[in-house]
Amino acid sequence: MIRWIFTRLLGFFLPSLLSSFFQNNTKGEAGKIEVEFKILDNRLGNEIPLPKFHTSGSAAIDLRTNIKETCTLGANETRLFSTGFAIHIKDARFAALILPRSGLGHKDGIVLGNLSGLIDSDYQGPLSISLWNRSDKNICITPGDRVAQLVVIRVDQVELEEVDFFD
């Protein structure tokens, strides 16, 4: 029940929180940030497409499952899936978020097991995706399925100031 409530709250507030992080370019063009990625499985780029923006208007990079064979994600089951690559953002002004694909959540009940994932700029490890089948039916996950998306956001580190009272 708590997981359901949290999912609903996150679904309601997440879009407005994300939009507050994005900064508009005065020319109306998306900014470019260099993010390094390292292929960890040779099937990536051959049998499984490399991570990329699906369209020119996409805000996020599609993340795909990097598994050897089709598997079944049982009802209410959570499982960790490899993407087959690692990333390094390097620039402390940026972080990345792993977000669910809305169509999968709505149509099939597949969402992220942790609802979203935060990747710090200094993280250099493999990217994995926790998938949760919140439906009451088994779902087949196949190699190369687009199951999540990665968006890079600008972040500011705040300085916390302890006070006895707020003004």
Foldseek 3Di string as FASTA:
>chain_A
DVVVVVLVVCVVCVVVVVVVQDDADPVRDDDDADKDKDFQDVCDVPVADHWDAPDPPRQWTFAFFADDFKDKQAAQHKDKGFSRMWIARQDQQKKKKKAWDVCCCVPQVKGFPVRMDIGGNGDTDTDMTIITRNDNGMDIGGGRDRTITMHMTGDDDDDDDDDPDDD
